[in-house]
């Protein structure tokens, strides 16, 4: 796969990942944490705000890998 196409595809995947992840994290919080105290909200959004980095790391690693020279 050409490098430019791989990076374009990676950016699209990352954008979709962030949007979908944010929607699900916020929907879960609004459904189950509505009556929780403020520190629970803070802790939840701190953890979920950092957790999206894990799948993004794999996408970025894939994007930066050298193409096969066949």
PDB file of N, CA and C in Angstrom:
ATOM      1  N   UNK A   1       0.853  -1.164   0.000  1.00  0.00           N
ATOM      2  CA  UNK A   1       0.000   0.000   0.000  1.00  0.00           C
ATOM      3  C   UNK A   1       0.905   1.235   0.000  1.00  0.00           C
ATOM      4  N   UNK A   2       0.613   2.195  -0.855  1.00  0.00           N
ATOM      5  CA  UNK A   2       1.420   3.416  -0.881  1.00  0.00           C
ATOM      6  C   UNK A   2       1.349   4.170   0.455  1.00  0.00           C
ATOM      7  N   UNK A   3       2.433   4.852   0.783  1.00  0.00           N
ATOM      8  CA  UNK A   3       2.542   5.538   2.064  1.00  0.00           C
ATOM      9  C   UNK A   3       1.460   6.599   2.223  1.00  0.00           C
ATOM     10  N   UNK A   4       1.210   7.372   1.197  1.00  0.00           N
ATOM     11  CA  UNK A   4       0.210   8.447   1.302  1.00  0.00           C
ATOM     12  C   UNK A   4      -1.192   7.890   1.532  1.00  0.00           C
ATOM     13  N   UNK A   5      -1.518   6.786   0.840  1.00  0.00           N
ATOM     14  CA  UNK A   5      -2.827   6.169   1.024  1.00  0.00           C
ATOM     15  C   UNK A   5      -2.943   5.577   2.432  1.00  0.00           C
ATOM     16  N   UNK A   6      -1.869   4.988   2.904  1.00  0.00           N
ATOM     17  CA  UNK A   6      -1.865   4.400   4.245  1.00  0.00           C
ATOM     18  C   UNK A   6      -2.079   5.484   5.307  1.00  0.00           C
ATOM     19  N   UNK A   7      -1.430   6.619   5.154  1.00  0.00           N
ATOM     20  CA  UNK A   7      -1.586   7.704   6.119  1.00  0.00           C
ATOM     21  C   UNK A   7      -2.985   8.322   6.038  1.00  0.00           C
ATOM     22  N   UNK A   8      -3.520   8.463   4.846  1.00  0.00           N
ATOM     23  CA  UNK A   8      -4.882   8.981   4.702  1.00  0.00           C
ATOM     24  C   UNK A   8      -5.880   8.049   5.361  1.00  0.00           C
ATOM     25  N   UNK A   9      -5.742   6.762   5.112  1.00  0.00           N
ATOM     26  CA  UNK A   9      -6.624   5.781   5.724  1.00  0.00           C
ATOM     27  C   UNK A   9      -6.475   5.792   7.242  1.00  0.00           C
ATOM     28  N   UNK A  10      -5.246   5.933   7.734  1.00  0.00           N
ATOM     29  CA  UNK A  10      -5.008   5.994   9.170  1.00  0.00           C
ATOM     30  C   UNK A  10      -5.664   7.203   9.811  1.00  0.00           C
ATOM     31  N   UNK A  11      -5.601   8.343   9.153  1.00  0.00           N
ATOM     32  CA  UNK A  11      -6.231   9.562   9.690  1.00  0.00           C
ATOM     33  C   UNK A  11      -7.750   9.392   9.742  1.00  0.00           C
ATOM     34  N   UNK A  12      -8.321   8.804   8.712  1.00  0.00           N
ATOM     35  CA  UNK A  12      -9.773   8.573   8.698  1.00  0.00           C
ATOM     36  C   UNK A  12     -10.163   7.610   9.821  1.00  0.00           C
ATOM     37  N   UNK A  13      -9.373   6.560  10.014  1.00  0.00           N
ATOM     38  CA  UNK A  13      -9.651   5.604  11.087  1.00  0.00           C
ATOM     39  C   UNK A  13      -9.539   6.282  12.454  1.00  0.00           C
ATOM     40  N   UNK A  14      -8.513   7.104  12.633  1.00  0.00           N
ATOM     41  CA  UNK A  14      -8.341   7.803  13.912  1.00  0.00           C
ATOM     42  C   UNK A  14      -9.493   8.763  14.195  1.00  0.00           C
ATOM     43  N   UNK A  15      -9.916   9.498  13.189  1.00  0.00           N
ATOM     44  CA  UNK A  15     -11.049  10.415  13.381  1.00  0.00           C
ATOM     45  C   UNK A  15     -12.320   9.657  13.735  1.00  0.00           C
ATOM     46  N   UNK A  16     -12.567   8.563  13.035  1.00  0.00           N
ATOM     47  CA  UNK A  16     -13.750   7.751  13.335  1.00  0.00           C
ATOM     48  C   UNK A  16     -13.654   7.157  14.731  1.00  0.00           C
ATOM     49  N   UNK A  17     -12.472   6.708  15.111  1.00  0.00           N
ATOM     50  CA  UNK A  17     -12.264   6.148  16.442  1.00  0.00           C
ATOM     51  C   UNK A  17     -12.579   7.174  17.526  1.00  0.00           C
ATOM     52  N   UNK A  18     -12.066   8.366  17.371  1.00  0.00           N
ATOM     53  CA  UNK A  18     -12.278   9.404  18.385  1.00  0.00           C
ATOM     54  C   UNK A  18     -13.752   9.785  18.471  1.00  0.00           C
ATOM     55  N   UNK A  19     -14.409   9.950  17.345  1.00  0.00           N
ATOM     56  CA  UNK A  19     -15.826  10.340  17.357  1.00  0.00           C
ATOM     57  C   UNK A  19     -16.690   9.246  17.977  1.00  0.00           C
ATOM     58  N   UNK A  20     -16.516   8.008  17.534  1.00  0.00           N
ATOM     59  CA  UNK A  20     -17.328   6.908  18.056  1.00  0.00           C
ATOM     60  C   UNK A  20     -17.048   6.694  19.540  1.00  0.00           C
ATOM     61  N   UNK A  21     -15.783   6.732  19.912  1.00  0.00           N
ATOM     62  CA  UNK A  21     -15.414   6.541  21.314  1.00  0.00           C
ATOM     63  C   UNK A  21     -16.007   7.646  22.196  1.00  0.00           C
ATOM     64  N   UNK A  22     -15.942   8.877  21.743  1.00  0.00           N
ATOM     65  CA  UNK A  22     -16.483   9.992  22.528  1.00  0.00           C
ATOM     66  C   UNK A  22     -17.996   9.870  22.686  1.00  0.00           C
ATOM     67  N   UNK A  23     -18.676   9.473  21.636  1.00  0.00           N
ATOM     68  CA  UNK A  23     -20.137   9.314  21.716  1.00  0.00           C
ATOM     69  C   UNK A  23     -20.497   8.219  22.711  1.00  0.00           C
ATOM     70  N   UNK A  24     -19.816   7.075  22.627  1.00  0.00           N
ATOM     71  CA  UNK A  24     -20.133   5.984  23.550  1.00  0.00           C
ATOM     72  C   UNK A  24     -19.748   6.320  24.992  1.00  0.00           C
ATOM     73  N   UNK A  25     -18.608   6.947  25.196  1.00  0.00           N
ATOM     74  CA  UNK A  25     -18.191   7.307  26.557  1.00  0.00           C
ATOM     75  C   UNK A  25     -19.154   8.313  27.167  1.00  0.00           C
ATOM     76  N   UNK A  26     -19.588   9.273  26.398  1.00  0.00           N
ATOM     77  CA  UNK A  26     -20.520  10.277  26.906  1.00  0.00           C
ATOM     78  C   UNK A  26     -21.910   9.683  27.125  1.00  0.00           C
ATOM     79  N   UNK A  27     -22.347   8.820  26.211  1.00  0.00           N
ATOM     80  CA  UNK A  27     -23.654   8.184  26.381  1.00  0.00           C
ATOM     81  C   UNK A  27     -23.676   7.307  27.626  1.00  0.00           C
ATOM     82  N   UNK A  28     -22.609   6.561  27.848  1.00  0.00           N
ATOM     83  CA  UNK A  28     -22.532   5.725  29.042  1.00  0.00           C
ATOM     84  C   UNK A  28     -22.555   6.585  30.306  1.00  0.00           C
ATOM     85  N   UNK A  29     -21.807   7.660  30.275  1.00  0.00           N
ATOM     86  CA  UNK A  29     -21.767   8.546  31.441  1.00  0.00           C
ATOM     87  C   UNK A  29     -23.129   9.159  31.722  1.00  0.00           C
ATOM     88  N   UNK A  30     -23.812   9.577  30.687  1.00  0.00           N
ATOM     89  CA  UNK A  30     -25.116  10.209  30.914  1.00  0.00           C
ATOM     90  C   UNK A  30     -26.168   9.200  31.370  1.00  0.00           C
ATOM     91  N   UNK A  31     -26.045   7.943  30.954  1.00  0.00           N
ATOM     92  CA  UNK A  31     -27.007   6.927  31.375  1.00  0.00           C
ATOM     93  C   UNK A  31     -26.759   6.439  32.799  1.00  0.00           C
ATOM     94  N   UNK A  32     -25.504   6.207  33.152  1.00  0.00           N
ATOM     95  CA  UNK A  32     -25.205   5.534  34.410  1.00  0.00           C
ATOM     96  C   UNK A  32     -24.583   6.422  35.485  1.00  0.00           C
ATOM     97  N   UNK A  33     -24.098   7.584  35.124  1.00  0.00           N
ATOM     98  CA  UNK A  33     -23.439   8.427  36.106  1.00  0.00           C
ATOM     99  C   UNK A  33     -24.196   9.729  36.375  1.00  0.00           C
ATOM    100  N   UNK A  34     -25.442   9.774  36.011  1.00  0.00           N
ATOM    101  CA  UNK A  34     -26.215  10.999  36.163  1.00  0.00           C
ATOM    102  C   UNK A  34     -26.315  11.505  37.594  1.00  0.00           C
ATOM    103  N   UNK A  35     -26.495  10.599  38.536  1.00  0.00           N
ATOM    104  CA  UNK A  35     -26.654  10.989  39.939  1.00  0.00           C
ATOM    105  C   UNK A  35     -25.369  10.876  40.742  1.00  0.00           C
ATOM    106  N   UNK A  36     -24.280  10.541  40.091  1.00  0.00           N
ATOM    107  CA  UNK A  36     -23.003  10.362  40.798  1.00  0.00           C
ATOM    108  C   UNK A  36     -22.416  11.715  41.184  1.00  0.00           C
ATOM    109  N   UNK A  37     -21.588  11.734  42.217  1.00  0.00           N
ATOM    110  CA  UNK A  37     -20.950  12.997  42.617  1.00  0.00           C
ATOM    111  C   UNK A  37     -19.924  13.464  41.583  1.00  0.00           C
ATOM    112  N   UNK A  38     -19.516  14.694  41.722  1.00  0.00           N
ATOM    113  CA  UNK A  38     -18.623  15.305  40.743  1.00  0.00           C
ATOM    114  C   UNK A  38     -17.282  14.611  40.602  1.00  0.00           C
ATOM    115  N   UNK A  39     -16.737  14.098  41.726  1.00  0.00           N
ATOM    116  CA  UNK A  39     -15.437  13.442  41.629  1.00  0.00           C
ATOM    117  C   UNK A  39     -15.503  12.153  40.821  1.00  0.00           C
ATOM    118  N   UNK A  40     -16.662  11.488  40.808  1.00  0.00           N
ATOM    119  CA  UNK A  40     -16.821  10.283  39.986  1.00  0.00           C
ATOM    120  C   UNK A  40     -16.821  10.663  38.512  1.00  0.00           C
ATOM    121  N   UNK A  41     -17.485  11.741  38.174  1.00  0.00           N
ATOM    122  CA  UNK A  41     -17.471  12.244  36.797  1.00  0.00           C
ATOM    123  C   UNK A  41     -16.054  12.603  36.377  1.00  0.00           C
ATOM    124  N   UNK A  42     -15.353  13.302  37.246  1.00  0.00           N
ATOM    125  CA  UNK A  42     -13.982  13.700  36.944  1.00  0.00           C
ATOM    126  C   UNK A  42     -13.104  12.483  36.713  1.00  0.00           C
ATOM    127  N   UNK A  43     -13.188  11.505  37.583  1.00  0.00           N
ATOM    128  CA  UNK A  43     -12.386  10.293  37.443  1.00  0.00           C
ATOM    129  C   UNK A  43     -12.768   9.518  36.181  1.00  0.00           C
ATOM    130  N   UNK A  44     -14.065   9.398  35.917  1.00  0.00           N
ATOM    131  CA  UNK A  44     -14.529   8.675  34.724  1.00  0.00           C
ATOM    132  C   UNK A  44     -14.011   9.332  33.452  1.00  0.00           C
ATOM    133  N   UNK A  45     -14.172  10.641  33.334  1.00  0.00           N
ATOM    134  CA  UNK A  45     -13.750  11.310  32.111  1.00  0.00           C
ATOM    135  C   UNK A  45     -12.229  11.408  32.010  1.00  0.00           C
ATOM    136  N   UNK A  46     -11.541  11.403  33.116  1.00  0.00           N
ATOM    137  CA  UNK A  46     -10.080  11.355  33.076  1.00  0.00           C
ATOM    138  C   UNK A  46      -9.611  10.011  32.532  1.00  0.00           C
ATOM    139  N   UNK A  47     -10.183   8.942  33.035  1.00  0.00           N
ATOM    140  CA  UNK A  47      -9.793   7.596  32.569  1.00  0.00           C
ATOM    141  C   UNK A  47     -10.209   7.376  31.120  1.00  0.00           C
ATOM    142  N   UNK A  48     -11.451   7.687  30.794  1.00  0.00           N
ATOM    143  CA  UNK A  48     -11.901   7.455  29.421  1.00  0.00           C
ATOM    144  C   UNK A  48     -11.249   8.423  28.443  1.00  0.00           C
ATOM    145  N   UNK A  49     -10.875   9.595  28.917  1.00  0.00           N
ATOM    146  CA  UNK A  49     -10.179  10.549  28.056  1.00  0.00           C
ATOM    147  C   UNK A  49      -8.778  10.100  27.698  1.00  0.00           C
ATOM    148  N   UNK A  50      -8.186   9.293  28.535  1.00  0.00           N
ATOM    149  CA  UNK A  50      -6.851   8.766  28.237  1.00  0.00           C
ATOM    150  C   UNK A  50      -6.892   7.393  27.580  1.00  0.00           C
ATOM    151  N   UNK A  51      -7.964   6.638  27.779  1.00  0.00           N
ATOM    152  CA  UNK A  51      -8.024   5.260  27.292  1.00  0.00           C
ATOM    153  C   UNK A  51      -8.081   5.153  25.773  1.00  0.00           C
ATOM    154  N   UNK A  52      -8.578   6.169  25.072  1.00  0.00           N
ATOM    155  CA  UNK A  52      -8.660   6.090  23.613  1.00  0.00           C
ATOM    156  C   UNK A  52      -7.269   6.061  22.980  1.00  0.00           C
ATOM    157  N   UNK A  53      -6.251   6.439  23.744  1.00  0.00           N
ATOM    158  CA  UNK A  53      -4.887   6.449  23.219  1.00  0.00           C
ATOM    159  C   UNK A  53      -4.414   5.041  22.898  1.00  0.00           C
ATOM    160  N   UNK A  54      -4.897   4.039  23.626  1.00  0.00           N
ATOM    161  CA  UNK A  54      -4.446   2.659  23.414  1.00  0.00           C
ATOM    162  C   UNK A  54      -4.762   2.174  21.993  1.00  0.00           C
ATOM    163  N   UNK A  55      -6.021   2.227  21.523  1.00  0.00           N
ATOM    164  CA  UNK A  55      -6.249   1.793  20.138  1.00  0.00           C
ATOM    165  C   UNK A  55      -5.624   2.738  19.115  1.00  0.00           C
ATOM    166  N   UNK A  56      -5.551   4.022  19.443  1.00  0.00           N
ATOM    167  CA  UNK A  56      -4.935   4.972  18.511  1.00  0.00           C
ATOM    168  C   UNK A  56      -3.453   4.677  18.331  1.00  0.00           C
ATOM    169  N   UNK A  57      -2.817   4.198  19.386  1.00  0.00           N
ATOM    170  CA  UNK A  57      -1.401   3.860  19.312  1.00  0.00           C
ATOM    171  C   UNK A  57      -1.151   2.767  18.264  1.00  0.00           C
ATOM    172  N   UNK A  58      -2.030   1.775  18.215  1.00  0.00           N
ATOM    173  CA  UNK A  58      -1.874   0.702  17.229  1.00  0.00           C
ATOM    174  C   UNK A  58      -2.081   1.209  15.808  1.00  0.00           C
ATOM    175  N   UNK A  59      -3.030   2.113  15.610  1.00  0.00           N
ATOM    176  CA  UNK A  59      -3.272   2.681  14.278  1.00  0.00           C
ATOM    177  C   UNK A  59      -2.075   3.523  13.845  1.00  0.00           C
ATOM    178  N   UNK A  60      -1.544   4.328  14.741  1.00  0.00           N
ATOM    179  CA  UNK A  60      -0.389   5.165  14.399  1.00  0.00           C
ATOM    180  C   UNK A  60       0.829   4.303  14.106  1.00  0.00           C
ATOM    181  N   UNK A  61       1.030   3.254  14.879  1.00  0.00           N
ATOM    182  CA  UNK A  61       2.149   2.341  14.628  1.00  0.00           C
ATOM    183  C   UNK A  61       2.009   1.693  13.246  1.00  0.00           C
ATOM    184  N   UNK A  62       0.784   1.315  12.876  1.00  0.00           N
ATOM    185  CA  UNK A  62       0.550   0.729  11.565  1.00  0.00           C
ATOM    186  C   UNK A  62       0.832   1.750  10.454  1.00  0.00           C
ATOM    187  N   UNK A  63       0.418   3.001  10.688  1.00  0.00           N
ATOM    188  CA  UNK A  63       0.625   4.050   9.686  1.00  0.00           C
ATOM    189  C   UNK A  63       2.117   4.304   9.452  1.00  0.00           C
ATOM    190  N   UNK A  64       2.915   4.259  10.493  1.00  0.00           N
ATOM    191  CA  UNK A  64       4.328   4.617  10.403  1.00  0.00           C
ATOM    192  C   UNK A  64       5.222   3.457   9.985  1.00  0.00           C
ATOM    193  N   UNK A  65       4.695   2.257   9.896  1.00  0.00           N
ATOM    194  CA  UNK A  65       5.487   1.108   9.497  1.00  0.00           C
ATOM    195  C   UNK A  65       5.899   1.230   8.036  1.00  0.00           C
ATOM    196  N   UNK A  66       7.095   0.816   7.748  1.00  0.00           N
ATOM    197  CA  UNK A  66       7.614   0.885   6.372  1.00  0.00           C
ATOM    198  C   UNK A  66       6.835  -0.055   5.473  1.00  0.00           C
ATOM    199  N   UNK A  67       6.580   0.365   4.234  1.00  0.00           N
ATOM    200  CA  UNK A  67       5.854  -0.523   3.312  1.00  0.00           C
ATOM    201  C   UNK A  67       6.728  -1.707   2.898  1.00  0.00           C
ATOM    202  N   UNK A  68       6.065  -2.793   2.527  1.00  0.00           N
ATOM    203  CA  UNK A  68       6.788  -3.977   2.053  1.00  0.00           C
ATOM    204  C   UNK A  68       7.429  -3.676   0.722  1.00  0.00           C
ATOM    205  N   UNK A  69       8.659  -4.119   0.537  1.00  0.00           N
ATOM    206  CA  UNK A  69       9.401  -3.898  -0.719  1.00  0.00           C
ATOM    207  C   UNK A  69       9.401  -5.183  -1.540  1.00  0.00           C
ATOM    208  N   UNK A  70       8.266  -5.525  -2.119  1.00  0.00           N
ATOM    209  CA  UNK A  70       8.181  -6.754  -2.950  1.00  0.00           C
ATOM    210  C   UNK A  70       8.234  -6.421  -4.396  1.00  0.00           C
TER     211      UNK A  70
END
